[in-house]
Amino acid sequence: MTPREKGNAATRALMGAEQSERLANAASSDTFGADIAGYAVDHVFGDI
């Protein structure tokens, strides 16, 4: 399982499916803040 997959699973458990999907979409987008959202999912939530 990749860090992104682990992070998505953790955010789903902590925040619920809707908020987790929003964060995952933000992390995979090309918009402002996407890199920070990706860092949060991969490293903060992915390492829990």
C-alpha atoms as a PDB file:
ATOM      1  CA  MET A   1       0.000   0.000   0.000  1.00  0.00           C
ATOM      2  CA  THR A   2       1.419   3.394  -0.980  1.00  0.00           C
ATOM      3  CA  PRO A   3       1.636   6.324   1.454  1.00  0.00           C
ATOM      4  CA  ARG A   4      -1.197   8.007  -0.473  1.00  0.00           C
ATOM      5  CA  GLU A   5      -3.418   4.930  -0.102  1.00  0.00           C
ATOM      6  CA  LYS A   6      -2.622   4.693   3.612  1.00  0.00           C
ATOM      7  CA  GLY A   7      -3.320   8.397   4.026  1.00  0.00           C
ATOM      8  CA  ASN A   8      -6.621   8.158   2.190  1.00  0.00           C
ATOM      9  CA  ALA A   9      -7.667   5.245   4.396  1.00  0.00           C
ATOM     10  CA  ALA A  10      -6.729   7.172   7.549  1.00  0.00           C
ATOM     11  CA  THR A  11      -8.572  10.326   6.485  1.00  0.00           C
ATOM     12  CA  ARG A  12     -11.624   8.239   5.577  1.00  0.00           C
ATOM     13  CA  ALA A  13     -11.627   6.724   9.073  1.00  0.00           C
ATOM     14  CA  LEU A  14     -11.051  10.072  10.806  1.00  0.00           C
ATOM     15  CA  MET A  15     -13.095  12.472   8.665  1.00  0.00           C
ATOM     16  CA  GLY A  16     -15.639  10.338   6.854  1.00  0.00           C
ATOM     17  CA  ALA A  17     -15.924   9.502   3.183  1.00  0.00           C
ATOM     18  CA  GLU A  18     -17.048  12.919   1.915  1.00  0.00           C
ATOM     19  CA  GLN A  19     -14.277  14.971   3.563  1.00  0.00           C
ATOM     20  CA  SER A  20     -11.691  12.335   2.707  1.00  0.00           C
ATOM     21  CA  GLU A  21     -12.696  12.478  -0.942  1.00  0.00           C
ATOM     22  CA  ARG A  22     -12.427  16.273  -0.922  1.00  0.00           C
ATOM     23  CA  LEU A  23      -8.923  16.118   0.524  1.00  0.00           C
ATOM     24  CA  ALA A  24      -7.868  13.398  -1.939  1.00  0.00           C
ATOM     25  CA  ASN A  25      -9.212  15.454  -4.846  1.00  0.00           C
ATOM     26  CA  ALA A  26      -7.387  18.545  -3.617  1.00  0.00           C
ATOM     27  CA  ALA A  27      -4.155  16.584  -3.237  1.00  0.00           C
ATOM     28  CA  SER A  28      -4.327  15.206  -6.772  1.00  0.00           C
ATOM     29  CA  SER A  29      -5.321  18.477  -8.445  1.00  0.00           C
ATOM     30  CA  ASP A  30      -3.156  21.107 -10.107  1.00  0.00           C
ATOM     31  CA  THR A  31      -4.623  23.937  -8.047  1.00  0.00           C
ATOM     32  CA  PHE A  32      -3.078  26.176  -5.418  1.00  0.00           C
ATOM     33  CA  GLY A  33      -2.342  24.201  -2.258  1.00  0.00           C
ATOM     34  CA  ALA A  34      -2.363  20.779  -3.935  1.00  0.00           C
ATOM     35  CA  ASP A  35       1.231  20.103  -2.908  1.00  0.00           C
ATOM     36  CA  ILE A  36       0.459  20.861   0.744  1.00  0.00           C
ATOM     37  CA  ALA A  37      -2.674  18.689   0.682  1.00  0.00           C
ATOM     38  CA  GLY A  38      -0.649  15.887  -0.906  1.00  0.00           C
ATOM     39  CA  TYR A  39       2.023  16.240   1.760  1.00  0.00           C
ATOM     40  CA  ALA A  40      -0.642  15.993   4.475  1.00  0.00           C
ATOM     41  CA  VAL A  41      -2.160  12.852   2.978  1.00  0.00           C
ATOM     42  CA  ASP A  42       1.147  11.146   2.183  1.00  0.00           C
ATOM     43  CA  HIS A  43       3.175  11.999   5.266  1.00  0.00           C
ATOM     44  CA  VAL A  44       0.945  13.116   8.080  1.00  0.00           C
ATOM     45  CA  PHE A  45      -2.021  10.785   7.652  1.00  0.00           C
ATOM     46  CA  GLY A  46      -0.092   8.122   5.739  1.00  0.00           C
ATOM     47  CA  ASP A  47       2.384   7.599   8.573  1.00  0.00           C
ATOM     48  CA  ILE A  48      -0.226   7.149  11.330  1.00  0.00           C
END
